[in-house]
Protein backbone atom coordinates (compact mmCIF):
# COMPACT_ATOMS: atom_id res chain seq x y z
CA UNK A 1 -0.20 0.15 0.02
CA UNK A 2 2.55 2.44 0.77
CA UNK A 3 4.25 1.62 -2.56
CA UNK A 4 1.22 2.39 -4.25
CA UNK A 5 0.88 5.82 -2.63
CA UNK A 6 4.45 6.79 -3.20
CA UNK A 7 3.77 6.00 -7.02
CA UNK A 8 0.56 7.71 -7.18
CA UNK A 9 2.56 10.98 -5.40
CA UNK A 10 5.51 10.75 -7.86
CA UNK A 11 3.29 10.80 -10.69
CA UNK A 12 0.73 13.48 -9.37
CA UNK A 13 4.18 15.64 -8.67
CA UNK A 14 5.85 14.88 -12.09
CA UNK A 15 2.26 15.87 -13.84
CA UNK A 16 1.80 19.27 -12.10
CA UNK A 17 6.02 19.71 -12.76
CA UNK A 18 5.09 19.37 -16.38
CA UNK A 19 2.10 21.65 -16.83
CA UNK A 20 2.75 25.04 -18.42
CA UNK A 21 2.92 28.19 -16.11
CA UNK A 22 0.30 30.72 -16.22
CA UNK A 23 2.89 33.04 -17.08
CA UNK A 24 3.35 31.54 -20.51
CA UNK A 25 0.00 32.25 -21.65
CA UNK A 26 0.71 36.04 -22.35
CA UNK A 27 3.87 35.24 -24.20
CA UNK A 28 3.17 36.20 -27.98
CA UNK A 29 0.47 39.07 -27.15
CA UNK A 30 1.74 42.51 -27.35
CA UNK A 31 1.00 45.01 -24.84
CA UNK A 32 2.84 47.93 -26.53
CA UNK A 33 1.25 50.72 -29.13
CA UNK A 34 2.67 50.80 -32.69
CA UNK A 35 4.32 53.46 -31.23
CA UNK A 36 6.08 52.00 -28.74
CA UNK A 37 6.72 48.83 -30.95
CA UNK A 38 8.60 51.23 -33.45
CA UNK A 39 10.82 52.68 -30.47
CA UNK A 40 11.19 48.82 -29.56
CA UNK A 41 12.80 48.28 -33.27
CA UNK A 42 15.08 51.46 -32.89
CA UNK A 43 16.43 50.15 -29.44
CA UNK A 44 17.09 46.56 -30.87
CA UNK A 45 18.49 47.84 -34.04
CA UNK A 46 20.82 50.38 -32.05
CA UNK A 47 21.58 48.87 -28.23
CA UNK A 48 22.01 45.27 -29.25
CA UNK A 49 24.20 45.63 -32.28
CA UNK A 50 26.57 47.46 -30.49
CA UNK A 51 27.83 44.42 -29.14
CA UNK A 52 26.90 41.69 -31.82
CA UNK A 53 25.42 40.89 -34.74
CA UNK A 54 21.62 41.49 -34.95
CA UNK A 55 19.74 38.09 -34.92
CA UNK A 56 16.81 37.23 -37.10
CA UNK A 57 13.73 37.89 -34.94
CA UNK A 58 12.08 34.92 -36.62
CA UNK A 59 14.88 32.86 -35.58
CA UNK A 60 13.36 32.02 -32.10
CA UNK A 61 10.02 31.47 -31.31
CA UNK A 62 8.31 33.68 -28.54
CA UNK A 63 8.83 31.28 -25.70
CA UNK A 64 12.78 31.48 -26.50
CA UNK A 65 13.07 35.18 -26.74
CA UNK A 66 11.62 35.64 -23.22
CA UNK A 67 14.75 33.43 -22.08
CA UNK A 68 17.03 35.72 -24.62
CA UNK A 69 15.51 39.13 -23.65
CA UNK A 70 15.87 38.23 -19.88
CA UNK A 71 19.53 37.39 -20.32
CA UNK A 72 20.58 40.28 -22.58
CA UNK A 73 18.23 43.28 -21.45
CA UNK A 74 20.36 43.77 -18.37
CA UNK A 75 23.50 43.86 -20.49
CA UNK A 76 22.18 46.30 -22.78
CA UNK A 77 21.01 48.33 -19.65
CA UNK A 78 17.36 48.49 -21.00
CA UNK A 79 14.43 49.50 -18.30
CA UNK A 80 11.58 47.15 -18.36
CA UNK A 81 9.47 49.66 -20.57
CA UNK A 82 12.22 49.34 -23.15
CA UNK A 83 12.60 45.60 -22.52
CA UNK A 84 8.93 45.03 -23.19
CA UNK A 85 8.71 47.43 -26.35
CA UNK A 86 11.64 45.36 -28.06
CA UNK A 87 10.08 42.18 -27.03
CA UNK A 88 6.71 43.32 -28.50
CA UNK A 89 8.87 44.43 -31.58
CA UNK A 90 10.68 41.10 -32.25
CA UNK A 91 7.35 38.94 -31.64
CA UNK A 92 5.78 41.47 -34.11
CA UNK A 93 8.21 40.34 -37.00
CA UNK A 94 6.73 37.73 -39.15
CA UNK A 95 8.32 35.08 -41.17
C-alpha cells in the first residue's frame, strides 16, 4: 500500500511540474502600442548591434525570446519599458 501511495504521489508531482505555467500564456501577446513597438525596433537595432550581429527576429519562437531577452536586457541596460517594447517588436515580426 505504501508503494502505491508513493507511486501515485510521484506521478502527481511529475504531472504538476510538467504543466505550463500561467505566465507563459501571455507570451506572444503585445502590450505595447504601435509607437512603442517602433521604439522597440530602434532600441533593438541600436543597442543590440553595439555588441553583436543582430539576430533574425524570426529565428526563435516567442518563448525562446523571453529567455534571450531576460539575459540580454540587463547587459544592454534596458529599463522594464524598453525591455517590453523590444520584445513586442521582435515577436511582431512575421516569417
